[in-house]
Amino acid sequence: MSTYRLDVPELYARLDDMRKQADMSWRDLGTHLGVSASLFSRMKAGHRPDADALVTFLEWLNLDVVYVTVPAEPTP
């Protein structure tokens, strides 16, 4: 089991901040990054992006994965 998990709300918030700074709509951002705009709606609801989308987001944000991960809760 992994010791870390993706903090989807944190990643979504960072994408939203950068999107606003770039004066883009979610649709514009999806087109720019080559992902479906509906992915952002799913992320807002807590769904994780696939690995390729995650790497694309991290590159666009110029961000290391450590900033959007949190320790996984241990399973009993």
PDB file of N, CA and C in Angstrom:
ATOM      1  N   MET A   1       0.839  -1.188   0.000  1.00  0.00           N
ATOM      2  CA  MET A   1       0.000   0.000   0.000  1.00  0.00           C
ATOM      3  C   MET A   1       0.879   1.245   0.000  1.00  0.00           C
ATOM      4  N   SER A   2       0.445   2.253  -0.710  1.00  0.00           N
ATOM      5  CA  SER A   2       1.184   3.503  -0.815  1.00  0.00           C
ATOM      6  C   SER A   2       1.159   4.262   0.508  1.00  0.00           C
ATOM      7  N   THR A   3       2.228   4.963   0.776  1.00  0.00           N
ATOM      8  CA  THR A   3       2.281   5.764   1.998  1.00  0.00           C
ATOM      9  C   THR A   3       1.812   7.195   1.776  1.00  0.00           C
ATOM     10  N   TYR A   4       1.573   7.562   0.513  1.00  0.00           N
ATOM     11  CA  TYR A   4       1.074   8.891   0.180  1.00  0.00           C
ATOM     12  C   TYR A   4      -0.096   8.781  -0.776  1.00  0.00           C
ATOM     13  N   ARG A   5      -0.922   9.811  -0.779  1.00  0.00           N
ATOM     14  CA  ARG A   5      -2.032   9.861  -1.720  1.00  0.00           C
ATOM     15  C   ARG A   5      -2.118  11.267  -2.302  1.00  0.00           C
ATOM     16  N   LEU A   6      -2.730  11.353  -3.457  1.00  0.00           N
ATOM     17  CA  LEU A   6      -2.908  12.633  -4.128  1.00  0.00           C
ATOM     18  C   LEU A   6      -3.959  13.450  -3.389  1.00  0.00           C
ATOM     19  N   ASP A   7      -3.636  14.691  -3.101  1.00  0.00           N
ATOM     20  CA  ASP A   7      -4.575  15.616  -2.472  1.00  0.00           C
ATOM     21  C   ASP A   7      -5.316  16.339  -3.603  1.00  0.00           C
ATOM     22  N   VAL A   8      -6.397  15.724  -4.063  1.00  0.00           N
ATOM     23  CA  VAL A   8      -7.135  16.245  -5.218  1.00  0.00           C
ATOM     24  C   VAL A   8      -7.651  17.667  -4.977  1.00  0.00           C
ATOM     25  N   PRO A   9      -8.231  17.967  -3.811  1.00  0.00           N
ATOM     26  CA  PRO A   9      -8.689  19.355  -3.602  1.00  0.00           C
ATOM     27  C   PRO A   9      -7.556  20.380  -3.698  1.00  0.00           C
ATOM     28  N   GLU A  10      -6.377  20.021  -3.214  1.00  0.00           N
ATOM     29  CA  GLU A  10      -5.229  20.935  -3.313  1.00  0.00           C
ATOM     30  C   GLU A  10      -4.811  21.124  -4.766  1.00  0.00           C
ATOM     31  N   LEU A  11      -4.735  20.040  -5.522  1.00  0.00           N
ATOM     32  CA  LEU A  11      -4.380  20.138  -6.938  1.00  0.00           C
ATOM     33  C   LEU A  11      -5.412  20.964  -7.687  1.00  0.00           C
ATOM     34  N   TYR A  12      -6.677  20.720  -7.433  1.00  0.00           N
ATOM     35  CA  TYR A  12      -7.752  21.474  -8.090  1.00  0.00           C
ATOM     36  C   TYR A  12      -7.635  22.966  -7.755  1.00  0.00           C
ATOM     37  N   ALA A  13      -7.382  23.283  -6.503  1.00  0.00           N
ATOM     38  CA  ALA A  13      -7.261  24.685  -6.088  1.00  0.00           C
ATOM     39  C   ALA A  13      -6.084  25.362  -6.782  1.00  0.00           C
ATOM     40  N   ARG A  14      -4.979  24.654  -6.903  1.00  0.00           N
ATOM     41  CA  ARG A  14      -3.808  25.227  -7.580  1.00  0.00           C
ATOM     42  C   ARG A  14      -4.086  25.433  -9.065  1.00  0.00           C
ATOM     43  N   LEU A  15      -4.758  24.469  -9.688  1.00  0.00           N
ATOM     44  CA  LEU A  15      -5.142  24.638 -11.086  1.00  0.00           C
ATOM     45  C   LEU A  15      -6.082  25.834 -11.253  1.00  0.00           C
ATOM     46  N   ASP A  16      -7.034  25.952 -10.335  1.00  0.00           N
ATOM     47  CA  ASP A  16      -7.994  27.052 -10.413  1.00  0.00           C
ATOM     48  C   ASP A  16      -7.293  28.401 -10.259  1.00  0.00           C
ATOM     49  N   ASP A  17      -6.362  28.504  -9.326  1.00  0.00           N
ATOM     50  CA  ASP A  17      -5.622  29.756  -9.142  1.00  0.00           C
ATOM     51  C   ASP A  17      -4.842  30.134 -10.395  1.00  0.00           C
ATOM     52  N   MET A  18      -4.125  29.157 -10.949  1.00  0.00           N
ATOM     53  CA  MET A  18      -3.314  29.431 -12.130  1.00  0.00           C
ATOM     54  C   MET A  18      -4.203  29.731 -13.340  1.00  0.00           C
ATOM     55  N   ARG A  19      -5.329  29.019 -13.446  1.00  0.00           N
ATOM     56  CA  ARG A  19      -6.279  29.258 -14.534  1.00  0.00           C
ATOM     57  C   ARG A  19      -6.786  30.696 -14.486  1.00  0.00           C
ATOM     58  N   LYS A  20      -7.130  31.160 -13.294  1.00  0.00           N
ATOM     59  CA  LYS A  20      -7.616  32.533 -13.140  1.00  0.00           C
ATOM     60  C   LYS A  20      -6.525  33.548 -13.486  1.00  0.00           C
ATOM     61  N   GLN A  21      -5.292  33.276 -13.052  1.00  0.00           N
ATOM     62  CA  GLN A  21      -4.178  34.168 -13.373  1.00  0.00           C
ATOM     63  C   GLN A  21      -3.968  34.264 -14.882  1.00  0.00           C
ATOM     64  N   ALA A  22      -4.208  33.143 -15.572  1.00  0.00           N
ATOM     65  CA  ALA A  22      -4.045  33.104 -17.028  1.00  0.00           C
ATOM     66  C   ALA A  22      -5.292  33.617 -17.751  1.00  0.00           C
ATOM     67  N   ASP A  23      -6.308  34.006 -16.983  1.00  0.00           N
ATOM     68  CA  ASP A  23      -7.574  34.503 -17.548  1.00  0.00           C
ATOM     69  C   ASP A  23      -8.173  33.504 -18.535  1.00  0.00           C
ATOM     70  N   MET A  24      -8.271  32.236 -18.085  1.00  0.00           N
ATOM     71  CA  MET A  24      -8.800  31.161 -18.911  1.00  0.00           C
ATOM     72  C   MET A  24     -10.041  30.564 -18.269  1.00  0.00           C
ATOM     73  N   SER A  25     -10.928  30.061 -19.102  1.00  0.00           N
ATOM     74  CA  SER A  25     -12.055  29.275 -18.602  1.00  0.00           C
ATOM     75  C   SER A  25     -11.552  27.842 -18.416  1.00  0.00           C
ATOM     76  N   TRP A  26     -12.355  27.026 -17.748  1.00  0.00           N
ATOM     77  CA  TRP A  26     -11.981  25.614 -17.610  1.00  0.00           C
ATOM     78  C   TRP A  26     -11.890  24.968 -18.984  1.00  0.00           C
ATOM     79  N   ARG A  27     -12.795  25.331 -19.879  1.00  0.00           N
ATOM     80  CA  ARG A  27     -12.770  24.778 -21.244  1.00  0.00           C
ATOM     81  C   ARG A  27     -11.480  25.188 -21.956  1.00  0.00           C
ATOM     82  N   ASP A  28     -11.103  26.471 -21.816  1.00  0.00           N
ATOM     83  CA  ASP A  28      -9.848  26.949 -22.414  1.00  0.00           C
ATOM     84  C   ASP A  28      -8.659  26.164 -21.870  1.00  0.00           C
ATOM     85  N   LEU A  29      -8.650  25.958 -20.562  1.00  0.00           N
ATOM     86  CA  LEU A  29      -7.542  25.239 -19.940  1.00  0.00           C
ATOM     87  C   LEU A  29      -7.484  23.799 -20.439  1.00  0.00           C
ATOM     88  N   GLY A  30      -8.636  23.152 -20.526  1.00  0.00           N
ATOM     89  CA  GLY A  30      -8.668  21.785 -21.034  1.00  0.00           C
ATOM     90  C   GLY A  30      -8.108  21.699 -22.450  1.00  0.00           C
ATOM     91  N   THR A  31      -8.505  22.640 -23.285  1.00  0.00           N
ATOM     92  CA  THR A  31      -8.002  22.671 -24.662  1.00  0.00           C
ATOM     93  C   THR A  31      -6.497  22.910 -24.667  1.00  0.00           C
ATOM     94  N   HIS A  32      -6.044  23.844 -23.866  1.00  0.00           N
ATOM     95  CA  HIS A  32      -4.619  24.182 -23.789  1.00  0.00           C
ATOM     96  C   HIS A  32      -3.782  22.978 -23.344  1.00  0.00           C
ATOM     97  N   LEU A  33      -4.311  22.219 -22.380  1.00  0.00           N
ATOM     98  CA  LEU A  33      -3.561  21.091 -21.824  1.00  0.00           C
ATOM     99  C   LEU A  33      -3.852  19.763 -22.523  1.00  0.00           C
ATOM    100  N   GLY A  34      -4.837  19.759 -23.404  1.00  0.00           N
ATOM    101  CA  GLY A  34      -5.160  18.531 -24.122  1.00  0.00           C
ATOM    102  C   GLY A  34      -5.920  17.510 -23.288  1.00  0.00           C
ATOM    103  N   VAL A  35      -6.735  18.020 -22.355  1.00  0.00           N
ATOM    104  CA  VAL A  35      -7.578  17.129 -21.545  1.00  0.00           C
ATOM    105  C   VAL A  35      -9.029  17.586 -21.677  1.00  0.00           C
ATOM    106  N   SER A  36      -9.928  16.691 -21.338  1.00  0.00           N
ATOM    107  CA  SER A  36     -11.343  17.020 -21.389  1.00  0.00           C
ATOM    108  C   SER A  36     -11.689  18.016 -20.285  1.00  0.00           C
ATOM    109  N   ALA A  37     -12.478  19.009 -20.620  1.00  0.00           N
ATOM    110  CA  ALA A  37     -12.913  19.985 -19.608  1.00  0.00           C
ATOM    111  C   ALA A  37     -13.713  19.302 -18.501  1.00  0.00           C
ATOM    112  N   SER A  38     -14.374  18.198 -18.823  1.00  0.00           N
ATOM    113  CA  SER A  38     -15.151  17.492 -17.804  1.00  0.00           C
ATOM    114  C   SER A  38     -14.258  16.868 -16.727  1.00  0.00           C
ATOM    115  N   LEU A  39     -12.978  16.677 -17.035  1.00  0.00           N
ATOM    116  CA  LEU A  39     -12.049  16.161 -16.022  1.00  0.00           C
ATOM    117  C   LEU A  39     -12.000  17.097 -14.826  1.00  0.00           C
ATOM    118  N   PHE A  40     -12.055  18.381 -15.072  1.00  0.00           N
ATOM    119  CA  PHE A  40     -11.995  19.346 -13.976  1.00  0.00           C
ATOM    120  C   PHE A  40     -13.245  19.249 -13.094  1.00  0.00           C
ATOM    121  N   SER A  41     -14.392  19.019 -13.701  1.00  0.00           N
ATOM    122  CA  SER A  41     -15.624  18.838 -12.919  1.00  0.00           C
ATOM    123  C   SER A  41     -15.510  17.596 -12.050  1.00  0.00           C
ATOM    124  N   ARG A  42     -14.960  16.533 -12.613  1.00  0.00           N
ATOM    125  CA  ARG A  42     -14.792  15.304 -11.838  1.00  0.00           C
ATOM    126  C   ARG A  42     -13.800  15.512 -10.696  1.00  0.00           C
ATOM    127  N   MET A  43     -12.742  16.266 -10.966  1.00  0.00           N
ATOM    128  CA  MET A  43     -11.767  16.545  -9.906  1.00  0.00           C
ATOM    129  C   MET A  43     -12.393  17.385  -8.803  1.00  0.00           C
ATOM    130  N   LYS A  44     -13.221  18.328  -9.171  1.00  0.00           N
ATOM    131  CA  LYS A  44     -13.892  19.155  -8.162  1.00  0.00           C
ATOM    132  C   LYS A  44     -14.729  18.278  -7.226  1.00  0.00           C
ATOM    133  N   ALA A  45     -15.259  17.173  -7.768  1.00  0.00           N
ATOM    134  CA  ALA A  45     -16.050  16.229  -6.975  1.00  0.00           C
ATOM    135  C   ALA A  45     -15.166  15.219  -6.233  1.00  0.00           C
ATOM    136  N   GLY A  46     -13.831  15.345  -6.377  1.00  0.00           N
ATOM    137  CA  GLY A  46     -12.923  14.487  -5.627  1.00  0.00           C
ATOM    138  C   GLY A  46     -12.308  13.335  -6.387  1.00  0.00           C
ATOM    139  N   HIS A  47     -12.618  13.216  -7.688  1.00  0.00           N
ATOM    140  CA  HIS A  47     -12.055  12.127  -8.480  1.00  0.00           C
ATOM    141  C   HIS A  47     -10.622  12.460  -8.904  1.00  0.00           C
ATOM    142  N   ARG A  48      -9.761  11.463  -8.890  1.00  0.00           N
ATOM    143  CA  ARG A  48      -8.365  11.667  -9.265  1.00  0.00           C
ATOM    144  C   ARG A  48      -8.189  11.634 -10.774  1.00  0.00           C
ATOM    145  N   PRO A  49      -7.286  12.472 -11.283  1.00  0.00           N
ATOM    146  CA  PRO A  49      -6.968  12.416 -12.714  1.00  0.00           C
ATOM    147  C   PRO A  49      -6.107  11.184 -12.985  1.00  0.00           C
ATOM    148  N   ASP A  50      -6.048  10.770 -14.250  1.00  0.00           N
ATOM    149  CA  ASP A  50      -5.151   9.667 -14.590  1.00  0.00           C
ATOM    150  C   ASP A  50      -3.698  10.168 -14.531  1.00  0.00           C
ATOM    151  N   ALA A  51      -2.767   9.245 -14.612  1.00  0.00           N
ATOM    152  CA  ALA A  51      -1.352   9.587 -14.447  1.00  0.00           C
ATOM    153  C   ALA A  51      -0.874  10.596 -15.484  1.00  0.00           C
ATOM    154  N   ASP A  52      -1.282  10.422 -16.745  1.00  0.00           N
ATOM    155  CA  ASP A  52      -0.847  11.352 -17.790  1.00  0.00           C
ATOM    156  C   ASP A  52      -1.360  12.763 -17.539  1.00  0.00           C
ATOM    157  N   ALA A  53      -2.619  12.879 -17.139  1.00  0.00           N
ATOM    158  CA  ALA A  53      -3.181  14.198 -16.839  1.00  0.00           C
ATOM    159  C   ALA A  53      -2.465  14.811 -15.635  1.00  0.00           C
ATOM    160  N   LEU A  54      -2.189  13.997 -14.623  1.00  0.00           N
ATOM    161  CA  LEU A  54      -1.494  14.508 -13.433  1.00  0.00           C
ATOM    162  C   LEU A  54      -0.141  15.093 -13.812  1.00  0.00           C
ATOM    163  N   VAL A  55       0.625  14.373 -14.609  1.00  0.00           N
ATOM    164  CA  VAL A  55       1.939  14.866 -15.039  1.00  0.00           C
ATOM    165  C   VAL A  55       1.787  16.153 -15.840  1.00  0.00           C
ATOM    166  N   THR A  56       0.794  16.206 -16.711  1.00  0.00           N
ATOM    167  CA  THR A  56       0.533  17.415 -17.500  1.00  0.00           C
ATOM    168  C   THR A  56       0.221  18.591 -16.588  1.00  0.00           C
ATOM    169  N   PHE A  57      -0.617  18.372 -15.590  1.00  0.00           N
ATOM    170  CA  PHE A  57      -0.973  19.444 -14.650  1.00  0.00           C
ATOM    171  C   PHE A  57       0.249  19.921 -13.877  1.00  0.00           C
ATOM    172  N   LEU A  58       1.044  18.982 -13.379  1.00  0.00           N
ATOM    173  CA  LEU A  58       2.229  19.351 -12.599  1.00  0.00           C
ATOM    174  C   LEU A  58       3.218  20.141 -13.442  1.00  0.00           C
ATOM    175  N   GLU A  59       3.377  19.745 -14.700  1.00  0.00           N
ATOM    176  CA  GLU A  59       4.271  20.485 -15.596  1.00  0.00           C
ATOM    177  C   GLU A  59       3.743  21.896 -15.837  1.00  0.00           C
ATOM    178  N   TRP A  60       2.441  22.027 -16.098  1.00  0.00           N
ATOM    179  CA  TRP A  60       1.862  23.340 -16.364  1.00  0.00           C
ATOM    180  C   TRP A  60       1.966  24.244 -15.138  1.00  0.00           C
ATOM    181  N   LEU A  61       1.772  23.648 -13.984  1.00  0.00           N
ATOM    182  CA  LEU A  61       1.868  24.412 -12.742  1.00  0.00           C
ATOM    183  C   LEU A  61       3.315  24.651 -12.307  1.00  0.00           C
ATOM    184  N   ASN A  62       4.262  23.966 -12.983  1.00  0.00           N
ATOM    185  CA  ASN A  62       5.668  24.004 -12.588  1.00  0.00           C
ATOM    186  C   ASN A  62       5.800  23.621 -11.110  1.00  0.00           C
ATOM    187  N   LEU A  63       5.216  22.482 -10.793  1.00  0.00           N
ATOM    188  CA  LEU A  63       5.054  22.059  -9.407  1.00  0.00           C
ATOM    189  C   LEU A  63       5.561  20.639  -9.212  1.00  0.00           C
ATOM    190  N   ASP A  64       6.229  20.403  -8.112  1.00  0.00           N
ATOM    191  CA  ASP A  64       6.655  19.058  -7.743  1.00  0.00           C
ATOM    192  C   ASP A  64       5.485  18.342  -7.080  1.00  0.00           C
ATOM    193  N   VAL A  65       5.394  17.066  -7.284  1.00  0.00           N
ATOM    194  CA  VAL A  65       4.282  16.269  -6.755  1.00  0.00           C
ATOM    195  C   VAL A  65       4.168  16.362  -5.233  1.00  0.00           C
ATOM    196  N   VAL A  66       5.255  16.659  -4.560  1.00  0.00           N
ATOM    197  CA  VAL A  66       5.230  16.729  -3.101  1.00  0.00           C
ATOM    198  C   VAL A  66       4.229  17.781  -2.598  1.00  0.00           C
ATOM    199  N   TYR A  67       3.940  18.789  -3.404  1.00  0.00           N
ATOM    200  CA  TYR A  67       3.028  19.852  -2.994  1.00  0.00           C
ATOM    201  C   TYR A  67       1.558  19.476  -3.103  1.00  0.00           C
ATOM    202  N   VAL A  68       1.267  18.360  -3.739  1.00  0.00           N
ATOM    203  CA  VAL A  68      -0.138  17.928  -3.883  1.00  0.00           C
ATOM    204  C   VAL A  68      -0.334  16.498  -3.395  1.00  0.00           C
ATOM    205  N   THR A  69       0.516  16.073  -2.469  1.00  0.00           N
ATOM    206  CA  THR A  69       0.347  14.765  -1.848  1.00  0.00           C
ATOM    207  C   THR A  69       0.279  14.912  -0.337  1.00  0.00           C
ATOM    208  N   VAL A  70      -0.365  13.967   0.283  1.00  0.00           N
ATOM    209  CA  VAL A  70      -0.447  13.927   1.734  1.00  0.00           C
ATOM    210  C   VAL A  70      -0.217  12.483   2.173  1.00  0.00           C
ATOM    211  N   PRO A  71       0.226  12.299   3.408  1.00  0.00           N
ATOM    212  CA  PRO A  71       0.404  10.919   3.875  1.00  0.00           C
ATOM    213  C   PRO A  71      -0.920  10.169   3.851  1.00  0.00           C
ATOM    214  N   ALA A  72      -0.845   8.925   3.422  1.00  0.00           N
ATOM    215  CA  ALA A  72      -2.043   8.076   3.413  1.00  0.00           C
ATOM    216  C   ALA A  72      -2.376   7.672   4.838  1.00  0.00           C
ATOM    217  N   GLU A  73      -3.651   7.549   5.088  1.00  0.00           N
ATOM    218  CA  GLU A  73      -4.065   7.108   6.413  1.00  0.00           C
ATOM    219  C   GLU A  73      -3.814   5.607   6.522  1.00  0.00           C
ATOM    220  N   PRO A  74      -3.227   5.177   7.628  1.00  0.00           N
ATOM    221  CA  PRO A  74      -2.962   3.746   7.780  1.00  0.00           C
ATOM    222  C   PRO A  74      -4.259   2.952   7.855  1.00  0.00           C
ATOM    223  N   THR A  75      -4.244   1.770   7.272  1.00  0.00           N
ATOM    224  CA  THR A  75      -5.419   0.903   7.349  1.00  0.00           C
ATOM    225  C   THR A  75      -5.291   0.014   8.563  1.00  0.00           C
ATOM    226  N   PRO A  76      -6.406  -0.198   9.259  1.00  0.00           N
ATOM    227  CA  PRO A  76      -6.346  -1.017  10.472  1.00  0.00           C
ATOM    228  C   PRO A  76      -6.081  -2.478  10.180  1.00  0.00           C
TER     229      PRO A  76
END
